[in-house]
Amino acid sequence: MTTVKKLWIGIGILALLSPLGLIIPALFDASGAWGEWGLDKIKKLIGYIPEGMQKLAELWKSPMHAYTVPGQKPGLAHESLVYILTAVIGIAITAGLAYVIAKLLGRKNKGN
């Protein structure tokens, strides 16, 4: 098995495991996915919002806010499927961009 094939299998496994951040807190009656806190939750946890975090909080808006899709039904199973879907979309976009950049750089280096 090639290294690239092993890499894609590993990435696929990680995409399938992505809903664990939802499932484990649900099993233990926790308040939500660890580390996916908004500014209000950070302030509640540590008592203040770090200056840098406050300043950069509005810089980026996710195209799939809170890992949701239009028409999504409530429930852990549906949320888990959407997490996997967003992981696959993110992987596809990242791999596509990396491929295009590699092709462009390859052309540039052939001319030298």
PDB file of N, CA and C in Angstrom:
ATOM      1  N   MET A   1       0.851  -1.176   0.000  1.00  0.00           N
ATOM      2  CA  MET A   1       0.000   0.000   0.000  1.00  0.00           C
ATOM      3  C   MET A   1       0.897   1.240   0.000  1.00  0.00           C
ATOM      4  N   THR A   2       0.563   2.190  -0.853  1.00  0.00           N
ATOM      5  CA  THR A   2       1.392   3.381  -0.970  1.00  0.00           C
ATOM      6  C   THR A   2       1.177   4.310   0.225  1.00  0.00           C
ATOM      7  N   THR A   3       2.137   5.173   0.420  1.00  0.00           N
ATOM      8  CA  THR A   3       2.061   6.151   1.509  1.00  0.00           C
ATOM      9  C   THR A   3       0.873   7.080   1.314  1.00  0.00           C
ATOM     10  N   VAL A   4       0.626   7.477   0.073  1.00  0.00           N
ATOM     11  CA  VAL A   4      -0.494   8.379  -0.204  1.00  0.00           C
ATOM     12  C   VAL A   4      -1.822   7.701   0.132  1.00  0.00           C
ATOM     13  N   LYS A   5      -1.952   6.436  -0.201  1.00  0.00           N
ATOM     14  CA  LYS A   5      -3.187   5.701   0.108  1.00  0.00           C
ATOM     15  C   LYS A   5      -3.368   5.594   1.622  1.00  0.00           C
ATOM     16  N   LYS A   6      -2.289   5.323   2.340  1.00  0.00           N
ATOM     17  CA  LYS A   6      -2.359   5.265   3.804  1.00  0.00           C
ATOM     18  C   LYS A   6      -2.775   6.615   4.384  1.00  0.00           C
ATOM     19  N   LEU A   7      -2.237   7.696   3.800  1.00  0.00           N
ATOM     20  CA  LEU A   7      -2.592   9.042   4.245  1.00  0.00           C
ATOM     21  C   LEU A   7      -4.088   9.290   4.065  1.00  0.00           C
ATOM     22  N   TRP A   8      -4.641   8.950   2.899  1.00  0.00           N
ATOM     23  CA  TRP A   8      -6.069   9.157   2.646  1.00  0.00           C
ATOM     24  C   TRP A   8      -6.939   8.292   3.564  1.00  0.00           C
ATOM     25  N   ILE A   9      -6.499   7.089   3.851  1.00  0.00           N
ATOM     26  CA  ILE A   9      -7.241   6.237   4.793  1.00  0.00           C
ATOM     27  C   ILE A   9      -7.245   6.882   6.177  1.00  0.00           C
ATOM     28  N   GLY A  10      -6.093   7.373   6.610  1.00  0.00           N
ATOM     29  CA  GLY A  10      -6.009   8.043   7.906  1.00  0.00           C
ATOM     30  C   GLY A  10      -6.883   9.275   7.972  1.00  0.00           C
ATOM     31  N   ILE A  11      -6.889  10.069   6.918  1.00  0.00           N
ATOM     32  CA  ILE A  11      -7.734  11.270   6.870  1.00  0.00           C
ATOM     33  C   ILE A  11      -9.203  10.878   6.907  1.00  0.00           C
ATOM     34  N   GLY A  12      -9.559   9.821   6.194  1.00  0.00           N
ATOM     35  CA  GLY A  12     -10.943   9.336   6.203  1.00  0.00           C
ATOM     36  C   GLY A  12     -11.374   8.881   7.590  1.00  0.00           C
ATOM     37  N   ILE A  13     -10.485   8.185   8.285  1.00  0.00           N
ATOM     38  CA  ILE A  13     -10.787   7.738   9.647  1.00  0.00           C
ATOM     39  C   ILE A  13     -10.994   8.944  10.559  1.00  0.00           C
ATOM     40  N   LEU A  14     -10.142   9.953  10.436  1.00  0.00           N
ATOM     41  CA  LEU A  14     -10.295  11.156  11.251  1.00  0.00           C
ATOM     42  C   LEU A  14     -11.614  11.869  10.956  1.00  0.00           C
ATOM     43  N   ALA A  15     -12.025  11.899   9.694  1.00  0.00           N
ATOM     44  CA  ALA A  15     -13.314  12.516   9.344  1.00  0.00           C
ATOM     45  C   ALA A  15     -14.458  11.746  10.004  1.00  0.00           C
ATOM     46  N   LEU A  16     -14.368  10.428   9.995  1.00  0.00           N
ATOM     47  CA  LEU A  16     -15.414   9.611  10.625  1.00  0.00           C
ATOM     48  C   LEU A  16     -15.436   9.779  12.144  1.00  0.00           C
ATOM     49  N   LEU A  17     -14.280  10.072  12.729  1.00  0.00           N
ATOM     50  CA  LEU A  17     -14.206  10.266  14.180  1.00  0.00           C
ATOM     51  C   LEU A  17     -14.555  11.692  14.618  1.00  0.00           C
ATOM     52  N   SER A  18     -14.726  12.603  13.678  1.00  0.00           N
ATOM     53  CA  SER A  18     -14.961  14.008  14.032  1.00  0.00           C
ATOM     54  C   SER A  18     -16.173  14.227  14.943  1.00  0.00           C
ATOM     55  N   PRO A  19     -17.234  13.431  14.867  1.00  0.00           N
ATOM     56  CA  PRO A  19     -18.368  13.670  15.770  1.00  0.00           C
ATOM     57  C   PRO A  19     -18.114  13.273  17.230  1.00  0.00           C
ATOM     58  N   LEU A  20     -16.956  12.709  17.523  1.00  0.00           N
ATOM     59  CA  LEU A  20     -16.682  12.338  18.913  1.00  0.00           C
ATOM     60  C   LEU A  20     -16.737  13.543  19.847  1.00  0.00           C
ATOM     61  N   GLY A  21     -16.423  14.729  19.329  1.00  0.00           N
ATOM     62  CA  GLY A  21     -16.517  15.947  20.121  1.00  0.00           C
ATOM     63  C   GLY A  21     -17.945  16.265  20.532  1.00  0.00           C
ATOM     64  N   LEU A  22     -18.915  15.720  19.822  1.00  0.00           N
ATOM     65  CA  LEU A  22     -20.329  15.859  20.187  1.00  0.00           C
ATOM     66  C   LEU A  22     -20.811  14.677  21.021  1.00  0.00           C
ATOM     67  N   ILE A  23     -20.406  13.488  20.612  1.00  0.00           N
ATOM     68  CA  ILE A  23     -20.925  12.261  21.219  1.00  0.00           C
ATOM     69  C   ILE A  23     -20.445  12.093  22.656  1.00  0.00           C
ATOM     70  N   ILE A  24     -19.159  12.284  22.893  1.00  0.00           N
ATOM     71  CA  ILE A  24     -18.612  12.074  24.241  1.00  0.00           C
ATOM     72  C   ILE A  24     -19.225  13.036  25.263  1.00  0.00           C
ATOM     73  N   PRO A  25     -19.309  14.347  24.974  1.00  0.00           N
ATOM     74  CA  PRO A  25     -19.978  15.229  25.939  1.00  0.00           C
ATOM     75  C   PRO A  25     -21.442  14.834  26.174  1.00  0.00           C
ATOM     76  N   ALA A  26     -22.125  14.354  25.132  1.00  0.00           N
ATOM     77  CA  ALA A  26     -23.519  13.928  25.298  1.00  0.00           C
ATOM     78  C   ALA A  26     -23.600  12.710  26.225  1.00  0.00           C
ATOM     79  N   LEU A  27     -22.647  11.799  26.100  1.00  0.00           N
ATOM     80  CA  LEU A  27     -22.645  10.600  26.956  1.00  0.00           C
ATOM     81  C   LEU A  27     -22.396  10.928  28.425  1.00  0.00           C
ATOM     82  N   PHE A  28     -21.581  11.957  28.663  1.00  0.00           N
ATOM     83  CA  PHE A  28     -21.210  12.310  30.031  1.00  0.00           C
ATOM     84  C   PHE A  28     -21.949  13.541  30.554  1.00  0.00           C
ATOM     85  N   ASP A  29     -23.008  13.937  29.852  1.00  0.00           N
ATOM     86  CA  ASP A  29     -23.810  15.086  30.270  1.00  0.00           C
ATOM     87  C   ASP A  29     -22.983  16.361  30.428  1.00  0.00           C
ATOM     88  N   ALA A  30     -22.017  16.533  29.547  1.00  0.00           N
ATOM     89  CA  ALA A  30     -21.180  17.740  29.574  1.00  0.00           C
ATOM     90  C   ALA A  30     -21.904  18.846  28.809  1.00  0.00           C
ATOM     91  N   SER A  31     -21.347  20.034  28.852  1.00  0.00           N
ATOM     92  CA  SER A  31     -22.041  21.183  28.273  1.00  0.00           C
ATOM     93  C   SER A  31     -21.834  21.353  26.769  1.00  0.00           C
ATOM     94  N   GLY A  32     -21.004  20.573  26.146  1.00  0.00           N
ATOM     95  CA  GLY A  32     -20.790  20.697  24.704  1.00  0.00           C
ATOM     96  C   GLY A  32     -19.418  20.219  24.305  1.00  0.00           C
ATOM     97  N   ALA A  33     -19.123  20.390  23.039  1.00  0.00           N
ATOM     98  CA  ALA A  33     -17.843  19.940  22.505  1.00  0.00           C
ATOM     99  C   ALA A  33     -16.703  20.749  23.117  1.00  0.00           C
ATOM    100  N   TRP A  34     -15.671  20.049  23.590  1.00  0.00           N
ATOM    101  CA  TRP A  34     -14.549  20.697  24.264  1.00  0.00           C
ATOM    102  C   TRP A  34     -13.813  21.591  23.280  1.00  0.00           C
ATOM    103  N   GLY A  35     -13.535  22.814  23.696  1.00  0.00           N
ATOM    104  CA  GLY A  35     -12.742  23.733  22.915  1.00  0.00           C
ATOM    105  C   GLY A  35     -13.504  24.518  21.861  1.00  0.00           C
ATOM    106  N   GLU A  36     -14.769  24.227  21.672  1.00  0.00           N
ATOM    107  CA  GLU A  36     -15.564  24.953  20.679  1.00  0.00           C
ATOM    108  C   GLU A  36     -16.456  25.967  21.384  1.00  0.00           C
ATOM    109  N   TRP A  37     -15.812  26.840  22.113  1.00  0.00           N
ATOM    110  CA  TRP A  37     -16.533  27.794  22.929  1.00  0.00           C
ATOM    111  C   TRP A  37     -16.569  29.155  22.262  1.00  0.00           C
ATOM    112  N   GLY A  38     -17.671  29.856  22.475  1.00  0.00           N
ATOM    113  CA  GLY A  38     -17.774  31.243  22.045  1.00  0.00           C
ATOM    114  C   GLY A  38     -17.201  32.146  23.117  1.00  0.00           C
ATOM    115  N   LEU A  39     -17.204  33.431  22.838  1.00  0.00           N
ATOM    116  CA  LEU A  39     -16.657  34.393  23.795  1.00  0.00           C
ATOM    117  C   LEU A  39     -17.414  34.369  25.121  1.00  0.00           C
ATOM    118  N   ASP A  40     -18.728  34.163  25.052  1.00  0.00           N
ATOM    119  CA  ASP A  40     -19.512  34.131  26.288  1.00  0.00           C
ATOM    120  C   ASP A  40     -19.112  32.960  27.184  1.00  0.00           C
ATOM    121  N   LYS A  41     -18.848  31.804  26.580  1.00  0.00           N
ATOM    122  CA  LYS A  41     -18.437  30.626  27.354  1.00  0.00           C
ATOM    123  C   LYS A  41     -17.032  30.825  27.931  1.00  0.00           C
ATOM    124  N   ILE A  42     -16.130  31.416  27.149  1.00  0.00           N
ATOM    125  CA  ILE A  42     -14.774  31.701  27.641  1.00  0.00           C
ATOM    126  C   ILE A  42     -14.851  32.616  28.868  1.00  0.00           C
ATOM    127  N   LYS A  43     -15.677  33.655  28.762  1.00  0.00           N
ATOM    128  CA  LYS A  43     -15.811  34.594  29.881  1.00  0.00           C
ATOM    129  C   LYS A  43     -16.362  33.886  31.113  1.00  0.00           C
ATOM    130  N   LYS A  44     -17.297  32.976  30.896  1.00  0.00           N
ATOM    131  CA  LYS A  44     -17.875  32.224  32.020  1.00  0.00           C
ATOM    132  C   LYS A  44     -16.839  31.281  32.643  1.00  0.00           C
ATOM    133  N   LEU A  45     -15.996  30.670  31.814  1.00  0.00           N
ATOM    134  CA  LEU A  45     -15.005  29.708  32.297  1.00  0.00           C
ATOM    135  C   LEU A  45     -13.844  30.366  33.034  1.00  0.00           C
ATOM    136  N   ILE A  46     -13.299  31.459  32.478  1.00  0.00           N
ATOM    137  CA  ILE A  46     -12.093  32.042  33.077  1.00  0.00           C
ATOM    138  C   ILE A  46     -12.308  33.423  33.680  1.00  0.00           C
ATOM    139  N   GLY A  47     -13.505  33.984  33.498  1.00  0.00           N
ATOM    140  CA  GLY A  47     -13.827  35.248  34.132  1.00  0.00           C
ATOM    141  C   GLY A  47     -13.582  36.492  33.294  1.00  0.00           C
ATOM    142  N   TYR A  48     -12.954  36.343  32.141  1.00  0.00           N
ATOM    143  CA  TYR A  48     -12.711  37.484  31.261  1.00  0.00           C
ATOM    144  C   TYR A  48     -12.470  36.954  29.845  1.00  0.00           C
ATOM    145  N   ILE A  49     -12.462  37.847  28.894  1.00  0.00           N
ATOM    146  CA  ILE A  49     -12.152  37.482  27.511  1.00  0.00           C
ATOM    147  C   ILE A  49     -10.770  38.043  27.195  1.00  0.00           C
ATOM    148  N   PRO A  50      -9.809  37.180  26.837  1.00  0.00           N
ATOM    149  CA  PRO A  50      -8.475  37.678  26.493  1.00  0.00           C
ATOM    150  C   PRO A  50      -8.542  38.722  25.373  1.00  0.00           C
ATOM    151  N   GLU A  51      -7.723  39.760  25.499  1.00  0.00           N
ATOM    152  CA  GLU A  51      -7.762  40.897  24.581  1.00  0.00           C
ATOM    153  C   GLU A  51      -7.599  40.485  23.120  1.00  0.00           C
ATOM    154  N   GLY A  52      -6.632  39.632  22.851  1.00  0.00           N
ATOM    155  CA  GLY A  52      -6.398  39.182  21.478  1.00  0.00           C
ATOM    156  C   GLY A  52      -7.577  38.407  20.921  1.00  0.00           C
ATOM    157  N   MET A  53      -8.182  37.578  21.750  1.00  0.00           N
ATOM    158  CA  MET A  53      -9.343  36.803  21.317  1.00  0.00           C
ATOM    159  C   MET A  53     -10.516  37.733  21.016  1.00  0.00           C
ATOM    160  N   GLN A  54     -10.713  38.710  21.868  1.00  0.00           N
ATOM    161  CA  GLN A  54     -11.790  39.683  21.670  1.00  0.00           C
ATOM    162  C   GLN A  54     -11.585  40.440  20.356  1.00  0.00           C
ATOM    163  N   LYS A  55     -10.344  40.843  20.106  1.00  0.00           N
ATOM    164  CA  LYS A  55     -10.019  41.636  18.925  1.00  0.00           C
ATOM    165  C   LYS A  55     -10.212  40.836  17.636  1.00  0.00           C
ATOM    166  N   LEU A  56      -9.868  39.545  17.649  1.00  0.00           N
ATOM    167  CA  LEU A  56      -9.910  38.730  16.442  1.00  0.00           C
ATOM    168  C   LEU A  56     -11.203  37.928  16.274  1.00  0.00           C
ATOM    169  N   ALA A  57     -12.101  38.003  17.236  1.00  0.00           N
ATOM    170  CA  ALA A  57     -13.299  37.164  17.228  1.00  0.00           C
ATOM    171  C   ALA A  57     -14.170  37.369  15.991  1.00  0.00           C
ATOM    172  N   GLU A  58     -14.246  38.576  15.499  1.00  0.00           N
ATOM    173  CA  GLU A  58     -15.114  38.864  14.364  1.00  0.00           C
ATOM    174  C   GLU A  58     -14.391  38.804  13.017  1.00  0.00           C
ATOM    175  N   LEU A  59     -13.117  38.445  13.033  1.00  0.00           N
ATOM    176  CA  LEU A  59     -12.324  38.423  11.806  1.00  0.00           C
ATOM    177  C   LEU A  59     -12.806  37.364  10.815  1.00  0.00           C
ATOM    178  N   TRP A  60     -13.193  36.194  11.308  1.00  0.00           N
ATOM    179  CA  TRP A  60     -13.560  35.073  10.446  1.00  0.00           C
ATOM    180  C   TRP A  60     -14.965  34.610  10.773  1.00  0.00           C
ATOM    181  N   LYS A  61     -15.778  34.475   9.750  1.00  0.00           N
ATOM    182  CA  LYS A  61     -17.115  33.906   9.886  1.00  0.00           C
ATOM    183  C   LYS A  61     -17.150  32.614   9.075  1.00  0.00           C
ATOM    184  N   SER A  62     -17.496  31.547   9.711  1.00  0.00           N
ATOM    185  CA  SER A  62     -17.527  30.253   9.058  1.00  0.00           C
ATOM    186  C   SER A  62     -18.634  30.186   8.011  1.00  0.00           C
ATOM    187  N   PRO A  63     -18.352  29.588   6.855  1.00  0.00           N
ATOM    188  CA  PRO A  63     -19.409  29.443   5.849  1.00  0.00           C
ATOM    189  C   PRO A  63     -20.488  28.442   6.282  1.00  0.00           C
ATOM    190  N   MET A  64     -20.162  27.550   7.200  1.00  0.00           N
ATOM    191  CA  MET A  64     -21.138  26.585   7.733  1.00  0.00           C
ATOM    192  C   MET A  64     -21.185  26.778   9.248  1.00  0.00           C
ATOM    193  N   HIS A  65     -21.786  27.870   9.669  1.00  0.00           N
ATOM    194  CA  HIS A  65     -21.818  28.245  11.077  1.00  0.00           C
ATOM    195  C   HIS A  65     -22.305  27.093  11.957  1.00  0.00           C
ATOM    196  N   ALA A  66     -21.545  26.806  12.992  1.00  0.00           N
ATOM    197  CA  ALA A  66     -21.864  25.760  13.978  1.00  0.00           C
ATOM    198  C   ALA A  66     -22.056  24.389  13.333  1.00  0.00           C
ATOM    199  N   TYR A  67     -21.374  24.155  12.219  1.00  0.00           N
ATOM    200  CA  TYR A  67     -21.443  22.870  11.514  1.00  0.00           C
ATOM    201  C   TYR A  67     -22.877  22.484  11.169  1.00  0.00           C
ATOM    202  N   THR A  68     -23.664  23.422  10.718  1.00  0.00           N
ATOM    203  CA  THR A  68     -25.053  23.137  10.366  1.00  0.00           C
ATOM    204  C   THR A  68     -25.264  23.332   8.873  1.00  0.00           C
ATOM    205  N   VAL A  69     -26.290  22.670   8.366  1.00  0.00           N
ATOM    206  CA  VAL A  69     -26.698  22.822   6.978  1.00  0.00           C
ATOM    207  C   VAL A  69     -28.178  23.172   6.961  1.00  0.00           C
ATOM    208  N   PRO A  70     -28.628  23.872   5.922  1.00  0.00           N
ATOM    209  CA  PRO A  70     -30.057  24.206   5.855  1.00  0.00           C
ATOM    210  C   PRO A  70     -30.921  22.947   5.878  1.00  0.00           C
ATOM    211  N   GLY A  71     -31.978  22.975   6.657  1.00  0.00           N
ATOM    212  CA  GLY A  71     -32.893  21.844   6.743  1.00  0.00           C
ATOM    213  C   GLY A  71     -32.447  20.737   7.673  1.00  0.00           C
ATOM    214  N   GLN A  72     -31.380  20.971   8.411  1.00  0.00           N
ATOM    215  CA  GLN A  72     -30.860  19.944   9.319  1.00  0.00           C
ATOM    216  C   GLN A  72     -31.867  19.660  10.426  1.00  0.00           C
ATOM    217  N   LYS A  73     -32.078  18.383  10.699  1.00  0.00           N
ATOM    218  CA  LYS A  73     -32.983  17.980  11.770  1.00  0.00           C
ATOM    219  C   LYS A  73     -32.217  17.939  13.087  1.00  0.00           C
ATOM    220  N   PRO A  74     -32.918  18.202  14.189  1.00  0.00           N
ATOM    221  CA  PRO A  74     -32.236  18.139  15.487  1.00  0.00           C
ATOM    222  C   PRO A  74     -31.926  16.693  15.881  1.00  0.00           C
ATOM    223  N   GLY A  75     -30.960  16.542  16.750  1.00  0.00           N
ATOM    224  CA  GLY A  75     -30.605  15.225  17.263  1.00  0.00           C
ATOM    225  C   GLY A  75     -29.143  14.895  17.037  1.00  0.00           C
ATOM    226  N   LEU A  76     -28.623  14.071  17.916  1.00  0.00           N
ATOM    227  CA  LEU A  76     -27.202  13.725  17.888  1.00  0.00           C
ATOM    228  C   LEU A  76     -26.803  13.004  16.604  1.00  0.00           C
ATOM    229  N   ALA A  77     -27.661  12.105  16.102  1.00  0.00           N
ATOM    230  CA  ALA A  77     -27.328  11.368  14.878  1.00  0.00           C
ATOM    231  C   ALA A  77     -27.207  12.312  13.690  1.00  0.00           C
ATOM    232  N   HIS A  78     -28.154  13.228  13.547  1.00  0.00           N
ATOM    233  CA  HIS A  78     -28.102  14.184  12.439  1.00  0.00           C
ATOM    234  C   HIS A  78     -26.912  15.131  12.583  1.00  0.00           C
ATOM    235  N   GLU A  79     -26.658  15.597  13.797  1.00  0.00           N
ATOM    236  CA  GLU A  79     -25.512  16.470  14.027  1.00  0.00           C
ATOM    237  C   GLU A  79     -24.208  15.754  13.692  1.00  0.00           C
ATOM    238  N   SER A  80     -24.117  14.486  14.063  1.00  0.00           N
ATOM    239  CA  SER A  80     -22.911  13.706  13.774  1.00  0.00           C
ATOM    240  C   SER A  80     -22.697  13.561  12.271  1.00  0.00           C
ATOM    241  N   LEU A  81     -23.767  13.289  11.543  1.00  0.00           N
ATOM    242  CA  LEU A  81     -23.647  13.159  10.090  1.00  0.00           C
ATOM    243  C   LEU A  81     -23.208  14.481   9.461  1.00  0.00           C
ATOM    244  N   VAL A  82     -23.723  15.590   9.972  1.00  0.00           N
ATOM    245  CA  VAL A  82     -23.331  16.897   9.445  1.00  0.00           C
ATOM    246  C   VAL A  82     -21.868  17.187   9.778  1.00  0.00           C
ATOM    247  N   TYR A  83     -21.394  16.785  10.961  1.00  0.00           N
ATOM    248  CA  TYR A  83     -19.973  16.951  11.298  1.00  0.00           C
ATOM    249  C   TYR A  83     -19.111  16.203  10.292  1.00  0.00           C
ATOM    250  N   ILE A  84     -19.502  14.978   9.960  1.00  0.00           N
ATOM    251  CA  ILE A  84     -18.744  14.186   8.989  1.00  0.00           C
ATOM    252  C   ILE A  84     -18.799  14.860   7.626  1.00  0.00           C
ATOM    253  N   LEU A  85     -19.978  15.337   7.237  1.00  0.00           N
ATOM    254  CA  LEU A  85     -20.124  16.028   5.957  1.00  0.00           C
ATOM    255  C   LEU A  85     -19.238  17.266   5.892  1.00  0.00           C
ATOM    256  N   THR A  86     -19.233  18.063   6.945  1.00  0.00           N
ATOM    257  CA  THR A  86     -18.393  19.263   6.934  1.00  0.00           C
ATOM    258  C   THR A  86     -16.913  18.899   6.926  1.00  0.00           C
ATOM    259  N   ALA A  87     -16.552  17.799   7.576  1.00  0.00           N
ATOM    260  CA  ALA A  87     -15.157  17.340   7.526  1.00  0.00           C
ATOM    261  C   ALA A  87     -14.771  16.963   6.102  1.00  0.00           C
ATOM    262  N   VAL A  88     -15.634  16.235   5.418  1.00  0.00           N
ATOM    263  CA  VAL A  88     -15.358  15.824   4.036  1.00  0.00           C
ATOM    264  C   VAL A  88     -15.262  17.047   3.130  1.00  0.00           C
ATOM    265  N   ILE A  89     -16.159  18.023   3.308  1.00  0.00           N
ATOM    266  CA  ILE A  89     -16.111  19.244   2.501  1.00  0.00           C
ATOM    267  C   ILE A  89     -14.796  19.989   2.763  1.00  0.00           C
ATOM    268  N   GLY A  90     -14.414  20.122   4.021  1.00  0.00           N
ATOM    269  CA  GLY A  90     -13.160  20.791   4.362  1.00  0.00           C
ATOM    270  C   GLY A  90     -11.951  20.083   3.787  1.00  0.00           C
ATOM    271  N   ILE A  91     -11.958  18.760   3.857  1.00  0.00           N
ATOM    272  CA  ILE A  91     -10.853  17.966   3.295  1.00  0.00           C
ATOM    273  C   ILE A  91     -10.786  18.162   1.784  1.00  0.00           C
ATOM    274  N   ALA A  92     -11.938  18.133   1.122  1.00  0.00           N
ATOM    275  CA  ALA A  92     -11.969  18.291  -0.339  1.00  0.00           C
ATOM    276  C   ALA A  92     -11.457  19.668  -0.751  1.00  0.00           C
ATOM    277  N   ILE A  93     -11.888  20.711  -0.042  1.00  0.00           N
ATOM    278  CA  ILE A  93     -11.435  22.064  -0.376  1.00  0.00           C
ATOM    279  C   ILE A  93      -9.931  22.201  -0.140  1.00  0.00           C
ATOM    280  N   THR A  94      -9.455  21.709   0.990  1.00  0.00           N
ATOM    281  CA  THR A  94      -8.032  21.806   1.316  1.00  0.00           C
ATOM    282  C   THR A  94      -7.183  21.012   0.324  1.00  0.00           C
ATOM    283  N   ALA A  95      -7.606  19.782   0.021  1.00  0.00           N
ATOM    284  CA  ALA A  95      -6.849  18.951  -0.923  1.00  0.00           C
ATOM    285  C   ALA A  95      -6.866  19.578  -2.315  1.00  0.00           C
ATOM    286  N   GLY A  96      -8.006  20.118  -2.720  1.00  0.00           N
ATOM    287  CA  GLY A  96      -8.103  20.757  -4.026  1.00  0.00           C
ATOM    288  C   GLY A  96      -7.187  21.960  -4.141  1.00  0.00           C
ATOM    289  N   LEU A  97      -7.193  22.803  -3.115  1.00  0.00           N
ATOM    290  CA  LEU A  97      -6.317  23.974  -3.120  1.00  0.00           C
ATOM    291  C   LEU A  97      -4.840  23.562  -3.120  1.00  0.00           C
ATOM    292  N   ALA A  98      -4.502  22.559  -2.330  1.00  0.00           N
ATOM    293  CA  ALA A  98      -3.118  22.081  -2.293  1.00  0.00           C
ATOM    294  C   ALA A  98      -2.696  21.538  -3.660  1.00  0.00           C
ATOM    295  N   TYR A  99      -3.599  20.828  -4.324  1.00  0.00           N
ATOM    296  CA  TYR A  99      -3.313  20.283  -5.655  1.00  0.00           C
ATOM    297  C   TYR A  99      -3.068  21.404  -6.661  1.00  0.00           C
ATOM    298  N   VAL A 100      -3.946  22.414  -6.665  1.00  0.00           N
ATOM    299  CA  VAL A 100      -3.808  23.536  -7.595  1.00  0.00           C
ATOM    300  C   VAL A 100      -2.506  24.288  -7.334  1.00  0.00           C
ATOM    301  N   ILE A 101      -2.202  24.545  -6.060  1.00  0.00           N
ATOM    302  CA  ILE A 101      -0.961  25.254  -5.720  1.00  0.00           C
ATOM    303  C   ILE A 101       0.261  24.439  -6.156  1.00  0.00           C
ATOM    304  N   ALA A 102       0.228  23.124  -5.919  1.00  0.00           N
ATOM    305  CA  ALA A 102       1.344  22.271  -6.331  1.00  0.00           C
ATOM    306  C   ALA A 102       1.519  22.285  -7.847  1.00  0.00           C
ATOM    307  N   LYS A 103       0.415  22.260  -8.585  1.00  0.00           N
ATOM    308  CA  LYS A 103       0.501  22.306 -10.050  1.00  0.00           C
ATOM    309  C   LYS A 103       1.085  23.641 -10.522  1.00  0.00           C
ATOM    310  N   LEU A 104       0.609  24.735  -9.926  1.00  0.00           N
ATOM    311  CA  LEU A 104       1.120  26.052 -10.298  1.00  0.00           C
ATOM    312  C   LEU A 104       2.601  26.190  -9.980  1.00  0.00           C
ATOM    313  N   LEU A 105       3.009  25.723  -8.825  1.00  0.00           N
ATOM    314  CA  LEU A 105       4.421  25.785  -8.462  1.00  0.00           C
ATOM    315  C   LEU A 105       5.263  24.871  -9.333  1.00  0.00           C
ATOM    316  N   GLY A 106       4.698  23.731  -9.698  1.00  0.00           N
ATOM    317  CA  GLY A 106       5.410  22.804 -10.590  1.00  0.00           C
ATOM    318  C   GLY A 106       5.666  23.416 -11.947  1.00  0.00           C
ATOM    319  N   ARG A 107       4.673  24.123 -12.502  1.00  0.00           N
ATOM    320  CA  ARG A 107       4.847  24.807 -13.784  1.00  0.00           C
ATOM    321  C   ARG A 107       5.901  25.896 -13.689  1.00  0.00           C
ATOM    322  N   LYS A 108       5.863  26.639 -12.581  1.00  0.00           N
ATOM    323  CA  LYS A 108       6.806  27.735 -12.390  1.00  0.00           C
ATOM    324  C   LYS A 108       8.237  27.184 -12.358  1.00  0.00           C
ATOM    325  N   ASN A 109       8.444  26.065 -11.688  1.00  0.00           N
ATOM    326  CA  ASN A 109       9.792  25.482 -11.551  1.00  0.00           C
ATOM    327  C   ASN A 109      10.268  24.850 -12.860  1.00  0.00           C
ATOM    328  N   LYS A 110       9.376  24.379 -13.714  1.00  0.00           N
ATOM    329  CA  LYS A 110       9.783  23.801 -14.998  1.00  0.00           C
ATOM    330  C   LYS A 110      10.378  24.843 -15.930  1.00  0.00           C
ATOM    331  N   GLY A 111       9.933  26.088 -15.773  1.00  0.00           N
ATOM    332  CA  GLY A 111      10.436  27.174 -16.623  1.00  0.00           C
ATOM    333  C   GLY A 111      11.846  27.602 -16.247  1.00  0.00           C
ATOM    334  N   ASN A 112      12.345  27.234 -15.076  1.00  0.00           N
ATOM    335  CA  ASN A 112      13.684  27.662 -14.621  1.00  0.00           C
ATOM    336  C   ASN A 112      14.745  26.713 -15.066  1.00  0.00           C
TER     337      ASN A 112
END
